[in-house]
Amino acid sequence: RPHNYFTISTLNDQVEIAWNFEKEHNVLHLKKESHDGDWATIILKMDSKLVGGFEGALEDTPQQLNPTNFSLSEWHMLISTANIFIGGVGGSEMLSTKNAYITEGQSNDVSLSDETAKRPYKGCIGEVRIGGLLLPYFSPEELNKINETYDYFALQSPYTTTIGCYLCFDSNCINGGQCEDPMTSYKCNCSAGFTGEFCQQDIDECLESQCANGATCVDLQANYTCQCPPGYEGWLCDQNIDECASEPCLHGGTCVDGLASYTCVCSDEYVGERCEQVRLITCDSQPCSNGASCLDVRNDKTNDNFTCTCAPYYAGNYCEMAYCEVESCQKGFCKKDAKPPFCQCDNGFEGRYCEIDIDECKSNPCLNNGSCIDGIATFSCNCTGTGFQGRLCEVDIDECSYSPCGDGTCENTLGSFVCLCSDTTCGTYCNATNPCISNPCQNEGTCEPTCTLSASYKCVCPPGYQGINCTEQSHFGASNVADIALIVVPIVAILLIAASISLSVFLMMARKKRATRGTYSPSSQEYCNPRVELDNVMKPPPEERLI
């Protein structure tokens, strides 16, 4: 059977045991608790179950295998007919020698179709026995076993066996590191400026830098440099720059040194930052630069008889400087000669002074609910808990490749997976025995498994039965009728009383309306009489007085 195999491989302190038989396949793992650098012996025992692990390890630990179903008959067939390889499987020309093994190979991968394209095993292998028979590292001629009659394994490999164990390879040490003593320990001797198990960590020399006066330390390989703030120089930025050394003040002006600046004390005839202008200059002399507007208004700052109003992107007393020369670009450099000048920003920044970090996460580049982490001119996606992987969380993880469903069938879904259990198992991972197999529901009840992480079930009972297993008969007696009557009778009584009160209120309102309406209503006419009575509105004539 060309595709049957049994392999034992190791990587990073983890041992993988995998097999593929005609009717059975599985992958198991063993892992050491720590990297101790000592020899480790693995013992496997096979009958109907495969058990074993690291010699001397405690049970129920990652160093011991859980008992797993194993076909002993197919194992006997495989070991008696197949080739045995140690250190990886070689090319196809090596696969025809019966009962042979090879101490050199291309890989320890359990996928035999890719064996010839992988790297060989790197490490040390001690004594290997199968069924008590030693797998020798020397040919029968060297061991003088040509004429022996009892069973033994014979070496058929043309490769030369090397005695000794290399624990370290220079190719594993990066950044110019080399193995310190490859025969005794796995330790890289790192070049200057690097540290770590593989010399992968760049030492930050700035942690112990001596940069002074608020200088910024820049880490280099096995060294550092200091970026000085304005006004300082030197390797450690500990020297104050004398801005007056270049004699910037003109026309006899006196220079006064300051921190990253200087001040010119001009004579009475000159004004300006460098005493470069005659004091009586006006706007007619066009003193303002770069398209600025000039006003014949005294400038108290420069003591000039005019004031310059600068155009956009220019600054200075006479608008002679680019705006980014006055205030430096934060994350870029000033293009002062451009028209108009501007800050040329580094990648990932924008703004007038390159002060704004561009948010690469603003466009929501991460897919499938991945979390975007903004960086400098880049971003990264955190795909944890989404069921996806890849730079943009765009690749669906095939959870079924990890065989999470036990004896069930795994069906991969978008971002997750579903286990389809057999009739004998149930649960989210098909790891529980189906409780309905024992038919716990009585009286023709239907059993429905409700397994999640543990085995459970529910009985759907026929009419007349109830209970967990449909073993109890349903009863509806007189006590139930009495209970219902106690609830219904008070409700009906309350409704009748409310109806009586509503009818009485309605009759009283109707009687009041009748008393004020109709063809003849004295009370209404008395209240709303349309007649008008007029008194004498004219003064009567005077009466004659008879004497």
Protein backbone atom coordinates (compact mmCIF):
# COMPACT_ATOMS: atom_id res chain seq x y z
CA ARG A 1 0.00 0.00 0.00
CA PRO A 2 2.09 2.91 -1.23
CA HIS A 3 0.34 5.62 0.81
CA ASN A 4 0.48 3.90 4.23
CA TYR A 5 3.04 5.24 6.68
CA PHE A 6 3.94 5.73 10.36
CA THR A 7 6.17 8.71 11.22
CA ILE A 8 7.75 10.26 14.32
CA SER A 9 9.07 13.81 13.85
CA THR A 10 10.19 16.63 16.14
CA LEU A 11 10.32 20.43 15.98
CA ASN A 12 10.93 23.00 18.76
CA ASP A 13 10.62 20.52 21.68
CA GLN A 14 7.39 19.07 20.26
CA VAL A 15 7.18 15.48 18.99
CA GLU A 16 4.57 14.61 16.37
CA ILE A 17 3.39 11.00 15.87
CA ALA A 18 1.32 10.46 12.72
CA TRP A 19 0.09 7.46 10.79
CA ASN A 20 -2.05 6.65 7.80
CA PHE A 21 -3.40 3.10 7.45
CA GLU A 22 -6.01 1.66 5.13
CA LYS A 23 -8.90 2.37 7.53
CA GLU A 24 -7.32 4.61 10.13
CA HIS A 25 -5.26 7.79 10.41
CA ASN A 26 -4.35 10.14 13.24
CA VAL A 27 -1.86 12.79 14.43
CA LEU A 28 -0.72 13.00 18.08
CA HIS A 29 1.67 15.38 19.84
CA LEU A 30 4.05 15.26 22.80
CA LYS A 31 5.67 18.36 24.29
CA LYS A 32 8.37 18.86 26.90
CA GLU A 33 7.71 21.33 29.68
CA SER A 34 11.03 23.13 29.19
CA HIS A 35 14.11 23.13 26.94
CA ASP A 36 16.69 21.37 29.14
CA GLY A 37 19.17 20.21 26.47
CA ASP A 38 19.17 16.62 27.82
CA TRP A 39 18.58 13.40 25.90
CA ALA A 40 14.93 12.32 25.78
CA THR A 41 13.72 8.73 25.35
CA ILE A 42 10.31 8.05 23.79
CA ILE A 43 8.57 4.70 24.39
CA LEU A 44 5.50 3.64 22.36
CA LYS A 45 3.39 0.55 23.11
CA MET A 46 0.92 -0.80 20.57
CA ASP A 47 -1.98 -3.27 20.75
CA SER A 48 -5.52 -2.15 20.02
CA LYS A 49 -4.49 1.20 21.55
CA LEU A 50 -1.39 3.34 21.08
CA VAL A 51 0.05 4.55 24.41
CA GLY A 52 3.37 5.95 25.51
CA GLY A 53 5.34 9.17 25.79
CA PHE A 54 8.56 10.48 27.29
CA GLU A 55 10.23 7.97 29.57
CA GLY A 56 9.56 8.80 33.23
CA ALA A 57 6.85 11.39 32.47
CA LEU A 58 3.71 11.61 34.63
CA GLU A 59 0.33 10.56 33.26
CA ASP A 60 -2.27 13.11 32.13
CA THR A 61 0.45 15.57 31.07
CA PRO A 62 1.50 16.84 27.62
CA GLN A 63 4.46 14.43 27.90
CA GLN A 64 2.18 11.37 27.78
CA LEU A 65 -0.23 10.26 25.03
CA ASN A 66 -3.89 9.59 25.73
CA PRO A 67 -4.78 6.00 24.72
CA THR A 68 -5.73 6.13 21.04
CA ASN A 69 -7.27 3.50 18.75
CA PHE A 70 -4.56 1.73 16.75
CA SER A 71 -4.72 -1.13 14.23
CA LEU A 72 -2.06 -3.62 15.30
CA SER A 73 -2.63 -5.84 12.25
CA GLU A 74 -2.00 -2.98 9.83
CA TRP A 75 1.08 -2.00 11.86
CA HIS A 76 2.48 -5.54 11.47
CA MET A 77 1.74 -5.41 7.75
CA LEU A 78 3.49 -2.01 7.46
CA ILE A 79 6.60 -2.90 9.48
CA SER A 80 7.10 -6.18 7.59
CA THR A 81 6.77 -4.76 4.09
CA ALA A 82 7.70 -1.06 4.21
CA ASN A 83 11.02 0.80 4.27
CA ILE A 84 12.21 2.33 7.55
CA PHE A 85 13.82 5.78 7.38
CA ILE A 86 15.59 7.71 10.16
CA GLY A 87 16.22 11.43 9.79
CA GLY A 88 13.68 11.97 6.99
CA VAL A 89 12.63 10.29 3.75
CA GLY A 90 15.03 10.32 0.81
CA GLY A 91 14.42 10.37 -2.94
CA SER A 92 12.29 7.87 -4.84
CA GLU A 93 15.33 5.72 -5.67
CA MET A 94 15.61 4.85 -1.98
CA LEU A 95 12.06 3.57 -1.58
CA SER A 96 12.53 0.12 -3.16
CA THR A 97 14.89 -1.50 -0.63
CA LYS A 98 12.98 -3.77 1.73
CA ASN A 99 13.50 -3.38 5.50
CA ALA A 100 16.08 -0.58 5.04
CA TYR A 101 16.47 2.71 6.82
CA ILE A 102 18.42 5.89 6.00
CA THR A 103 20.25 8.20 8.41
CA GLU A 104 20.12 11.17 6.03
CA GLY A 105 16.98 12.59 4.46
CA GLN A 106 15.11 15.60 3.17
CA SER A 107 12.40 16.25 5.79
CA ASN A 108 10.41 15.02 8.78
CA ASP A 109 7.07 16.03 7.27
CA VAL A 110 4.28 13.43 7.47
CA SER A 111 3.04 14.30 3.96
CA LEU A 112 5.06 11.79 1.93
CA SER A 113 4.32 13.47 -1.41
CA ASP A 114 6.43 16.46 -0.36
CA GLU A 115 9.30 14.62 1.36
CA THR A 116 11.91 15.14 -1.36
CA ALA A 117 11.45 18.94 -1.29
CA LYS A 118 12.04 19.49 2.47
CA ARG A 119 15.13 19.97 4.64
CA PRO A 120 16.75 17.07 6.57
CA TYR A 121 16.35 16.51 10.28
CA LYS A 122 18.73 18.62 12.36
CA GLY A 123 19.49 17.14 15.76
CA CYS A 124 20.77 14.05 17.50
CA ILE A 125 19.26 10.56 17.44
CA GLY A 126 20.22 7.85 19.91
CA GLU A 127 19.25 4.18 20.04
CA VAL A 128 16.10 3.22 18.10
CA ARG A 129 14.37 -0.16 18.54
CA ILE A 130 11.22 -1.67 17.03
CA GLY A 131 9.79 -4.69 18.83
CA GLY A 132 13.06 -4.97 20.75
CA LEU A 133 15.14 -5.17 17.55
CA LEU A 134 17.83 -2.52 17.15
CA LEU A 135 17.96 -0.31 14.07
CA PRO A 136 21.76 -0.29 13.54
CA TYR A 137 23.75 2.63 12.21
CA PHE A 138 26.27 0.29 10.56
CA SER A 139 26.01 -2.29 7.75
CA PRO A 140 25.78 -6.09 8.45
CA GLU A 141 29.37 -6.49 7.23
CA GLU A 142 30.60 -3.95 9.80
CA LEU A 143 28.59 -5.65 12.56
CA ASN A 144 29.57 -9.19 11.38
CA LYS A 145 25.94 -10.32 11.14
CA ILE A 146 25.97 -11.76 7.63
CA ASN A 147 25.54 -15.41 8.66
CA GLU A 148 23.21 -14.89 11.66
CA THR A 149 19.84 -16.71 11.50
CA TYR A 150 17.71 -14.75 14.00
CA ASP A 151 15.72 -11.67 12.99
CA TYR A 152 17.51 -8.36 12.73
CA PHE A 153 17.28 -5.08 10.81
CA ALA A 154 19.97 -4.49 8.19
CA LEU A 155 21.31 -1.11 7.14
CA GLN A 156 20.94 -0.56 3.37
CA SER A 157 21.85 3.16 3.22
CA PRO A 158 24.89 4.28 1.20
CA TYR A 159 25.29 7.36 3.44
CA THR A 160 28.17 7.69 5.87
CA THR A 161 27.28 7.76 9.57
CA THR A 162 28.98 10.49 11.62
CA ILE A 163 29.60 9.90 15.31
CA GLY A 164 28.90 12.92 17.51
CA CYS A 165 26.11 15.44 18.05
CA TYR A 166 25.97 18.96 16.68
CA LEU A 167 23.69 21.05 18.91
CA CYS A 168 24.16 24.35 17.10
CA PHE A 169 24.45 25.42 13.45
CA ASP A 170 25.88 28.77 12.34
CA SER A 171 22.96 29.24 9.97
CA ASN A 172 20.65 29.56 12.99
CA CYS A 173 22.61 32.54 14.34
CA ILE A 174 21.63 35.69 12.46
CA ASN A 175 23.16 39.17 12.13
CA GLY A 176 26.68 37.76 11.84
CA GLY A 177 26.49 35.53 14.93
CA GLN A 178 28.26 32.17 15.18
CA CYS A 179 27.89 29.09 17.37
CA GLU A 180 30.07 29.36 20.46
CA ASP A 181 30.65 25.58 20.84
CA PRO A 182 28.37 23.57 18.51
CA MET A 183 29.29 20.19 20.05
CA THR A 184 28.39 21.05 23.66
CA SER A 185 25.60 23.65 23.67
CA TYR A 186 23.12 25.59 21.57
CA LYS A 187 24.46 29.12 22.11
CA CYS A 188 25.14 31.86 19.59
CA ASN A 189 28.12 34.18 20.02
CA CYS A 190 26.64 37.44 18.72
CA SER A 191 28.44 40.20 16.89
CA ALA A 192 28.69 43.66 18.45
CA GLY A 193 25.34 45.38 18.85
CA PHE A 194 23.15 42.24 18.91
CA THR A 195 21.89 39.87 21.59
CA GLY A 196 19.25 37.16 22.07
CA GLU A 197 19.11 33.40 21.58
CA PHE A 198 19.56 33.77 17.81
CA CYS A 199 21.27 37.22 17.92
CA GLN A 200 17.95 38.56 16.65
CA GLN A 201 17.68 41.51 19.04
CA ASP A 202 19.39 44.82 18.26
CA ILE A 203 20.86 46.26 21.48
CA ASP A 204 19.53 49.76 22.15
CA GLU A 205 22.70 51.68 23.01
CA CYS A 206 20.56 54.76 23.69
CA LEU A 207 19.51 53.25 27.02
CA GLU A 208 22.91 54.30 28.39
CA SER A 209 23.57 57.32 26.17
CA GLN A 210 25.20 60.52 27.45
CA CYS A 211 23.47 62.95 25.08
CA ALA A 212 23.26 66.31 26.87
CA ASN A 213 21.05 69.41 26.72
CA GLY A 214 17.90 67.58 25.63
CA ALA A 215 19.48 66.01 22.56
CA THR A 216 17.76 63.08 20.81
CA CYS A 217 19.64 59.77 20.79
CA VAL A 218 19.63 57.75 17.55
CA ASP A 219 20.48 54.05 17.98
CA LEU A 220 23.10 52.57 15.62
CA GLN A 221 24.72 49.14 15.43
CA ALA A 222 26.99 48.88 18.48
CA ASN A 223 26.96 52.68 18.70
CA TYR A 224 24.69 55.73 18.90
CA THR A 225 24.66 59.35 17.79
CA CYS A 226 23.07 62.48 19.27
CA GLN A 227 20.81 64.85 17.35
CA CYS A 228 21.46 68.21 18.95
CA PRO A 229 18.76 70.81 19.64
CA PRO A 230 19.28 74.29 18.17
CA GLY A 231 22.24 76.06 19.76
CA TYR A 232 24.35 72.99 20.62
CA GLU A 233 26.92 70.85 18.82
CA GLY A 234 29.47 68.11 19.49
CA TRP A 235 29.12 64.30 19.59
CA LEU A 236 27.24 64.56 22.90
CA CYS A 237 25.67 67.99 22.15
CA ASP A 238 27.51 69.41 25.14
CA GLN A 239 29.00 72.46 23.35
CA ASN A 240 27.11 75.74 23.01
CA ILE A 241 27.34 77.14 19.45
CA ASP A 242 28.69 80.69 19.29
CA GLU A 243 26.35 82.25 16.73
CA CYS A 244 28.46 85.43 16.81
CA ALA A 245 31.56 83.62 15.54
CA SER A 246 30.49 84.26 11.94
CA GLU A 247 30.15 88.02 12.66
CA PRO A 248 26.59 88.29 11.36
CA CYS A 249 26.03 91.93 12.41
CA LEU A 250 26.71 94.47 9.64
CA HIS A 251 27.71 98.13 9.58
CA GLY A 252 29.51 98.02 12.92
CA GLY A 253 26.72 96.37 14.83
CA THR A 254 27.59 94.57 18.08
CA CYS A 255 26.70 90.86 18.27
CA VAL A 256 25.32 89.42 21.52
CA ASP A 257 25.35 85.58 21.60
CA GLY A 258 22.29 83.73 22.84
CA LEU A 259 21.00 80.14 22.90
CA ALA A 260 20.51 79.16 19.26
CA SER A 261 20.25 82.84 18.41
CA TYR A 262 22.04 86.16 18.46
CA THR A 263 21.10 89.81 18.78
CA CYS A 264 22.64 92.73 16.90
CA VAL A 265 22.90 96.08 18.67
CA CYS A 266 22.93 98.51 15.73
CA SER A 267 24.30 102.00 15.45
CA ASP A 268 21.92 104.93 15.13
CA GLU A 269 22.17 104.91 11.33
CA TYR A 270 21.09 101.31 10.74
CA VAL A 271 18.28 99.03 11.75
CA GLY A 272 17.24 95.43 11.12
CA GLU A 273 18.03 92.05 12.58
CA ARG A 274 21.60 92.28 11.24
CA CYS A 275 21.81 96.09 11.05
CA GLU A 276 21.50 95.68 7.30
CA GLN A 277 19.05 98.51 6.55
CA VAL A 278 19.35 102.25 6.69
CA ARG A 279 17.01 103.54 9.34
CA LEU A 280 15.15 106.00 7.05
CA ILE A 281 14.05 103.40 4.49
CA THR A 282 10.38 103.75 3.46
CA CYS A 283 7.98 101.71 1.32
CA ASP A 284 9.18 103.62 -1.75
CA SER A 285 12.43 101.60 -1.49
CA GLN A 286 10.46 98.33 -1.75
CA PRO A 287 12.12 96.76 1.30
CA CYS A 288 9.65 93.86 1.59
CA SER A 289 10.39 90.59 -0.25
CA ASN A 290 8.40 87.81 -1.91
CA GLY A 291 5.32 89.82 -2.86
CA ALA A 292 4.69 91.25 0.61
CA SER A 293 2.60 94.38 1.18
CA CYS A 294 4.36 97.43 2.62
CA LEU A 295 2.67 100.01 4.87
CA ASP A 296 4.21 103.35 5.88
CA VAL A 297 3.61 102.55 9.51
CA ARG A 298 6.40 102.47 12.08
CA ASN A 299 7.45 98.95 13.13
CA ASP A 300 8.29 99.04 16.83
CA LYS A 301 9.90 95.61 16.60
CA THR A 302 12.54 96.65 14.06
CA ASN A 303 12.39 100.44 14.60
CA ASP A 304 11.74 100.80 10.85
CA ASN A 305 9.53 103.49 9.38
CA PHE A 306 7.52 100.81 7.53
CA THR A 307 5.87 97.45 8.23
CA CYS A 308 5.82 94.41 5.92
CA THR A 309 2.69 92.25 5.69
CA CYS A 310 3.89 88.91 4.34
CA ALA A 311 2.20 86.84 1.68
CA PRO A 312 1.16 83.28 2.61
CA TYR A 313 4.02 80.81 3.16
CA TYR A 314 6.56 83.60 3.96
CA ALA A 315 7.76 85.08 7.25
CA GLY A 316 10.43 87.32 8.76
CA ASN A 317 10.61 91.04 9.42
CA TYR A 318 10.91 91.68 5.69
CA CYS A 319 9.21 88.48 4.47
CA GLU A 320 12.59 87.24 3.28
CA MET A 321 12.25 83.74 4.77
CA ALA A 322 10.06 80.73 4.08
CA TYR A 323 7.55 80.00 6.83
CA CYS A 324 9.17 76.61 7.48
CA GLU A 325 12.53 78.29 8.14
CA VAL A 326 10.98 80.13 11.07
CA GLU A 327 9.17 77.09 12.46
CA SER A 328 10.75 73.80 11.40
CA CYS A 329 8.85 70.99 9.74
CA GLN A 330 8.13 68.33 12.39
CA LYS A 331 8.28 65.21 10.20
CA GLY A 332 9.87 66.39 6.98
CA PHE A 333 12.17 69.06 5.55
CA CYS A 334 11.61 72.60 4.31
CA LYS A 335 11.53 73.22 0.54
CA LYS A 336 12.39 76.89 0.98
CA ASP A 337 13.30 77.49 -2.66
CA ALA A 338 9.96 76.26 -4.00
CA LYS A 339 7.32 78.73 -5.15
CA PRO A 340 5.58 78.80 -2.77
CA PRO A 341 7.73 77.07 -0.15
CA PHE A 342 6.31 74.05 1.69
CA CYS A 343 7.18 71.20 4.04
CA GLN A 344 8.08 67.99 2.19
CA CYS A 345 6.58 65.44 4.59
CA ASP A 346 7.93 62.00 5.40
CA ASN A 347 5.79 59.01 4.44
CA GLY A 348 2.78 58.75 6.73
CA PHE A 349 2.54 62.47 7.65
CA GLU A 350 0.73 65.51 6.30
CA GLY A 351 -0.17 69.06 7.32
CA ARG A 352 1.39 72.51 7.02
CA TYR A 353 4.28 71.48 9.27
CA CYS A 354 3.96 67.69 8.69
CA GLU A 355 2.49 67.53 12.16
CA ILE A 356 -0.43 65.20 11.34
CA ASP A 357 0.06 61.42 11.42
CA ILE A 358 -2.01 60.00 8.55
CA ASP A 359 -4.48 57.42 9.88
CA GLU A 360 -4.06 54.46 7.52
CA CYS A 361 -6.90 52.72 9.39
CA LYS A 362 -9.42 55.39 8.36
CA SER A 363 -10.36 53.45 5.23
CA ASN A 364 -11.11 50.31 7.31
CA PRO A 365 -8.70 48.07 5.37
CA CYS A 366 -9.04 45.07 7.71
CA LEU A 367 -11.70 42.58 6.65
CA ASN A 368 -13.96 40.21 8.59
CA ASN A 369 -14.05 42.29 11.82
CA GLY A 370 -10.26 42.40 12.11
CA SER A 371 -8.84 45.18 14.33
CA CYS A 372 -6.72 47.77 12.50
CA ILE A 373 -3.55 49.02 14.24
CA ASP A 374 -2.26 52.29 12.79
CA GLY A 375 1.47 52.69 12.24
CA ILE A 376 3.81 55.17 10.59
CA ALA A 377 2.98 55.04 6.87
CA THR A 378 1.58 51.56 7.38
CA PHE A 379 -0.96 49.54 9.32
CA SER A 380 -1.44 46.02 10.59
CA CYS A 381 -4.52 43.87 11.16
CA ASN A 382 -5.15 41.91 14.36
CA CYS A 383 -7.21 38.90 13.25
CA THR A 384 -7.47 37.32 16.74
CA GLY A 385 -10.84 35.67 17.34
CA THR A 386 -12.17 36.28 13.80
CA GLY A 387 -11.48 32.88 12.28
CA PHE A 388 -9.40 34.52 9.55
CA GLN A 389 -5.72 35.22 8.91
CA GLY A 390 -3.58 37.10 6.40
CA ARG A 391 -2.40 40.68 6.13
CA LEU A 392 -6.00 41.94 5.83
CA CYS A 393 -7.70 39.03 7.67
CA GLU A 394 -8.89 37.92 4.25
CA VAL A 395 -7.92 34.23 4.42
CA ASP A 396 -10.38 31.87 6.10
CA ILE A 397 -8.63 29.58 8.59
CA ASP A 398 -9.40 25.91 7.94
CA GLU A 399 -10.10 24.84 11.52
CA CYS A 400 -10.76 21.31 10.25
CA SER A 401 -7.04 20.87 9.55
CA TYR A 402 -6.55 20.56 13.34
CA SER A 403 -9.06 17.62 13.51
CA PRO A 404 -11.20 19.16 16.29
CA CYS A 405 -14.17 16.80 15.82
CA GLY A 406 -12.82 13.50 17.14
CA ASP A 407 -14.71 10.65 15.43
CA GLY A 408 -17.08 13.13 13.73
CA THR A 409 -16.77 14.86 10.39
CA CYS A 410 -15.52 18.45 10.40
CA GLU A 411 -17.18 20.92 8.04
CA ASN A 412 -15.29 24.19 7.64
CA THR A 413 -17.42 27.36 7.57
CA LEU A 414 -16.59 31.00 6.98
CA GLY A 415 -14.66 32.04 10.08
CA SER A 416 -15.56 28.89 12.05
CA PHE A 417 -16.37 25.18 11.70
CA VAL A 418 -19.15 22.67 12.47
CA CYS A 419 -18.76 19.08 13.70
CA LEU A 420 -21.14 16.53 12.13
CA CYS A 421 -21.31 13.69 14.65
CA SER A 422 -22.02 10.03 14.00
CA ASP A 423 -25.03 8.24 15.54
CA THR A 424 -22.93 7.13 18.51
CA THR A 425 -21.47 10.53 19.46
CA CYS A 426 -22.71 14.03 20.12
CA GLY A 427 -21.53 17.39 21.44
CA THR A 428 -19.95 20.47 19.96
CA TYR A 429 -16.76 18.50 19.23
CA CYS A 430 -18.36 15.00 18.95
CA ASN A 431 -16.45 14.08 22.10
CA ALA A 432 -19.40 12.72 24.11
CA THR A 433 -21.26 9.41 23.79
CA ASN A 434 -24.81 9.81 22.44
CA PRO A 435 -27.06 9.19 25.50
CA CYS A 436 -29.99 8.26 23.25
CA ILE A 437 -28.29 4.98 22.26
CA SER A 438 -29.55 3.39 25.50
CA ASN A 439 -33.20 4.47 24.73
CA PRO A 440 -33.81 6.20 28.09
CA CYS A 441 -37.26 7.52 27.06
CA GLN A 442 -40.10 5.17 28.14
CA ASN A 443 -43.68 4.72 26.90
CA GLU A 444 -42.76 5.38 23.24
CA GLY A 445 -41.18 8.76 24.04
CA THR A 446 -38.75 10.21 21.50
CA CYS A 447 -35.16 10.84 22.64
CA GLU A 448 -33.40 13.96 21.34
CA PRO A 449 -29.70 14.49 22.23
CA THR A 450 -28.93 17.98 23.59
CA CYS A 451 -25.17 17.59 23.93
CA THR A 452 -22.90 20.64 23.94
CA LEU A 453 -19.75 20.18 25.99
CA SER A 454 -21.21 17.19 27.89
CA ALA A 455 -23.68 14.40 27.13
CA SER A 456 -27.37 15.19 27.73
CA TYR A 457 -30.77 14.43 26.19
CA LYS A 458 -34.45 15.46 26.18
CA CYS A 459 -37.50 13.17 25.97
CA VAL A 460 -40.51 14.25 23.85
CA CYS A 461 -43.36 12.40 25.64
CA PRO A 462 -46.59 11.14 24.02
CA PRO A 463 -49.97 12.41 25.30
CA GLY A 464 -50.67 11.21 28.82
CA TYR A 465 -47.05 11.02 29.97
CA GLN A 466 -44.52 13.44 31.36
CA GLY A 467 -41.24 13.56 33.29
CA ILE A 468 -37.59 13.36 32.32
CA ASN A 469 -37.96 9.86 30.86
CA CYS A 470 -41.79 9.95 30.17
CA THR A 471 -42.40 7.65 33.15
CA GLU A 472 -45.04 9.82 34.90
CA GLN A 473 -48.74 9.89 33.90
CA SER A 474 -50.39 13.32 33.40
CA HIS A 475 -53.41 14.07 35.77
CA PHE A 476 -55.95 16.92 35.51
CA GLY A 477 -58.19 16.60 38.68
CA ALA A 478 -60.80 18.58 40.60
CA SER A 479 -58.16 20.53 42.43
CA ASN A 480 -57.15 22.11 39.13
CA VAL A 481 -60.77 23.18 38.48
CA ALA A 482 -60.98 24.73 41.93
CA ASP A 483 -57.77 26.65 41.38
CA ILE A 484 -59.08 28.00 38.08
CA ALA A 485 -62.38 29.01 39.68
CA LEU A 486 -60.56 30.96 42.40
CA ILE A 487 -58.93 33.04 39.68
CA VAL A 488 -61.81 33.45 37.19
CA VAL A 489 -64.71 34.27 39.61
CA PRO A 490 -63.11 37.41 41.18
CA ILE A 491 -62.19 38.73 37.73
CA VAL A 492 -65.79 38.32 36.45
CA ALA A 493 -67.18 40.03 39.59
CA ILE A 494 -64.87 43.04 39.14
CA LEU A 495 -65.93 43.40 35.51
CA LEU A 496 -69.67 43.36 36.46
CA ILE A 497 -69.18 46.05 39.14
CA ALA A 498 -67.28 48.27 36.70
CA ALA A 499 -70.07 47.90 34.11
CA SER A 500 -72.76 48.88 36.67
CA ILE A 501 -70.88 52.03 37.69
CA SER A 502 -70.40 53.06 34.05
CA LEU A 503 -74.17 52.63 33.32
CA SER A 504 -75.17 54.77 36.35
CA VAL A 505 -72.87 57.62 35.31
CA PHE A 506 -74.27 57.52 31.76
CA LEU A 507 -77.94 57.79 32.96
CA MET A 508 -77.18 60.77 35.24
CA MET A 509 -75.49 62.70 32.44
CA ALA A 510 -78.42 62.03 30.09
CA ARG A 511 -80.94 63.38 32.65
CA LYS A 512 -79.02 66.65 33.06
CA LYS A 513 -78.95 67.27 29.33
CA ARG A 514 -82.74 66.70 29.06
CA ALA A 515 -83.48 69.41 31.65
CA THR A 516 -81.86 72.13 29.52
CA ARG A 517 -83.03 71.11 26.04
CA GLY A 518 -86.47 70.89 24.22
CA THR A 519 -89.25 73.17 22.85
CA TYR A 520 -90.01 74.78 26.21
CA SER A 521 -87.51 75.16 28.95
CA PRO A 522 -88.16 77.81 31.59
CA SER A 523 -84.80 77.29 33.13
CA SER A 524 -83.09 77.75 29.79
CA GLN A 525 -85.08 80.91 28.94
CA GLU A 526 -84.32 82.30 32.33
CA TYR A 527 -80.63 81.69 31.76
CA CYS A 528 -80.47 82.71 28.11
CA ASN A 529 -83.40 85.25 27.66
CA PRO A 530 -83.25 86.88 24.19
CA ARG A 531 -85.55 89.79 25.09
CA VAL A 532 -84.21 93.29 25.71
CA GLU A 533 -85.88 95.72 28.13
CA LEU A 534 -85.23 99.43 27.58
CA ASP A 535 -85.60 102.08 30.28
CA ASN A 536 -86.25 105.73 29.51
CA VAL A 537 -83.33 107.04 27.61
CA MET A 538 -84.67 110.58 27.22
CA LYS A 539 -85.00 113.08 30.01
CA PRO A 540 -88.70 113.92 30.56
CA PRO A 541 -89.74 117.54 30.07
CA PRO A 542 -89.85 119.70 33.18
CA GLU A 543 -93.13 119.65 34.94
CA GLU A 544 -94.98 122.79 35.83
CA ARG A 545 -95.08 123.53 39.40
CA LEU A 546 -98.50 124.57 40.56
CA ILE A 547 -98.73 126.87 43.48
